Amino acid sequence: MLDAHLVQETEFQEPGARGRPAIGLILDTDAWHYLAIRLHRGDMTMTLRDLSSRIIVEDTQPLPDESMQPLLTSLVEQVDAFLFATSTNWSA
């Protein structure tokens, strides 16, 4: 888990404790992100969050009329566009 950057080591010393300090593990919230998608009537909200659920980027887009294109196709295209836009913003 350390190599995958899911957790970080942290030292903590209990009051009155002797010897080598204990090494604790905490969640590495900056290394990994997840995408949350909320579908509403007529639009969708995509939110990129870190592992502590802090919002990194959020965007709301209208959903197209189903007669124009299947919903799944539209969702895939909008998620791809969102991820491409956010990845190019991090690279800059």
Protein backbone atom coordinates (compact mmCIF):
# COMPACT_ATOMS: atom_id res chain seq x y z
CA MET A 1 0.00 0.00 0.00
CA LEU A 2 2.93 2.31 0.59
CA ASP A 3 4.32 1.64 -2.89
CA ALA A 4 0.90 2.33 -4.44
CA HIS A 5 0.67 5.64 -2.50
CA LEU A 6 -2.55 4.63 -0.78
CA VAL A 7 -1.12 5.26 2.69
CA GLN A 8 1.68 7.32 4.22
CA GLU A 9 3.76 6.57 7.27
CA THR A 10 3.54 8.96 10.16
CA GLU A 11 5.35 8.98 13.49
CA PHE A 12 3.55 9.57 16.72
CA GLN A 13 4.85 9.49 20.25
CA GLU A 14 2.55 8.70 23.11
CA PRO A 15 3.20 10.78 26.22
CA GLY A 16 5.45 8.92 28.62
CA ALA A 17 6.30 6.21 26.09
CA ARG A 18 9.89 5.11 25.81
CA GLY A 19 11.82 3.51 23.02
CA ARG A 20 11.40 3.75 19.32
CA PRO A 21 8.44 5.91 18.22
CA ALA A 22 5.50 4.04 16.80
CA ILE A 23 4.89 4.37 13.07
CA GLY A 24 1.31 4.93 12.11
CA LEU A 25 -0.39 4.84 8.74
CA ILE A 26 -2.66 7.50 7.34
CA LEU A 27 -4.56 7.62 4.07
CA ASP A 28 -2.68 9.43 1.27
CA THR A 29 -5.57 11.53 0.02
CA ASP A 30 -3.64 13.44 -2.67
CA ALA A 31 -2.31 10.51 -4.69
CA TRP A 32 -5.59 9.01 -5.90
CA HIS A 33 -8.83 10.48 -7.25
CA TYR A 34 -12.25 9.17 -8.16
CA LEU A 35 -15.00 10.44 -10.42
CA ALA A 36 -18.52 10.85 -9.06
CA ILE A 37 -21.36 11.32 -11.55
CA ARG A 38 -24.80 12.58 -10.57
CA LEU A 39 -27.59 12.34 -13.13
CA HIS A 40 -30.41 14.87 -12.84
CA ARG A 41 -33.41 15.47 -15.02
CA GLY A 42 -31.83 16.98 -18.13
CA ASP A 43 -28.24 17.34 -16.91
CA MET A 44 -25.34 15.57 -15.22
CA THR A 45 -22.78 16.73 -12.70
CA MET A 46 -19.27 15.23 -12.80
CA THR A 47 -17.05 15.74 -9.77
CA LEU A 48 -13.42 14.68 -9.46
CA ARG A 49 -12.58 14.12 -5.78
CA ASP A 50 -9.58 13.01 -3.77
CA LEU A 51 -9.83 10.13 -1.27
CA SER A 52 -10.92 12.49 1.51
CA SER A 53 -13.90 13.47 -0.73
CA ARG A 54 -12.52 16.99 -1.25
CA ILE A 55 -13.67 18.39 -4.60
CA ILE A 56 -10.85 18.82 -7.13
CA VAL A 57 -12.96 19.79 -10.18
CA GLU A 58 -16.72 19.90 -10.74
CA ASP A 59 -18.73 20.53 -13.91
CA THR A 60 -22.40 20.32 -14.88
CA GLN A 61 -23.39 19.56 -18.47
CA PRO A 62 -26.80 19.22 -20.11
CA LEU A 63 -27.84 15.77 -21.25
CA PRO A 64 -28.80 15.67 -24.92
CA ASP A 65 -32.23 14.66 -26.10
CA GLU A 66 -32.37 10.84 -26.24
CA SER A 67 -33.72 10.97 -29.76
CA MET A 68 -30.41 12.49 -30.91
CA GLN A 69 -28.07 9.92 -29.35
CA PRO A 70 -28.33 7.03 -26.84
CA LEU A 71 -27.78 8.02 -23.21
CA LEU A 72 -24.81 5.68 -22.68
CA THR A 73 -23.00 7.06 -25.73
CA SER A 74 -23.57 10.61 -24.52
CA LEU A 75 -22.34 9.78 -21.01
CA VAL A 76 -19.15 8.16 -22.31
CA GLU A 77 -18.40 11.15 -24.56
CA GLN A 78 -19.01 13.68 -21.78
CA VAL A 79 -16.90 11.76 -19.25
CA ASP A 80 -14.06 11.47 -21.79
CA ALA A 81 -14.23 15.21 -22.48
CA PHE A 82 -14.30 16.02 -18.75
CA LEU A 83 -11.30 13.82 -17.98
CA PHE A 84 -9.36 15.18 -20.96
CA ALA A 85 -10.06 18.78 -19.89
CA THR A 86 -9.05 18.14 -16.27
CA SER A 87 -5.88 16.26 -17.24
CA THR A 88 -4.73 19.07 -19.54
CA ASN A 89 -5.39 21.59 -16.73
CA TRP A 90 -3.08 19.61 -14.41
CA SER A 91 -0.35 19.41 -17.04
CA ALA A 92 -0.24 23.19 -17.50
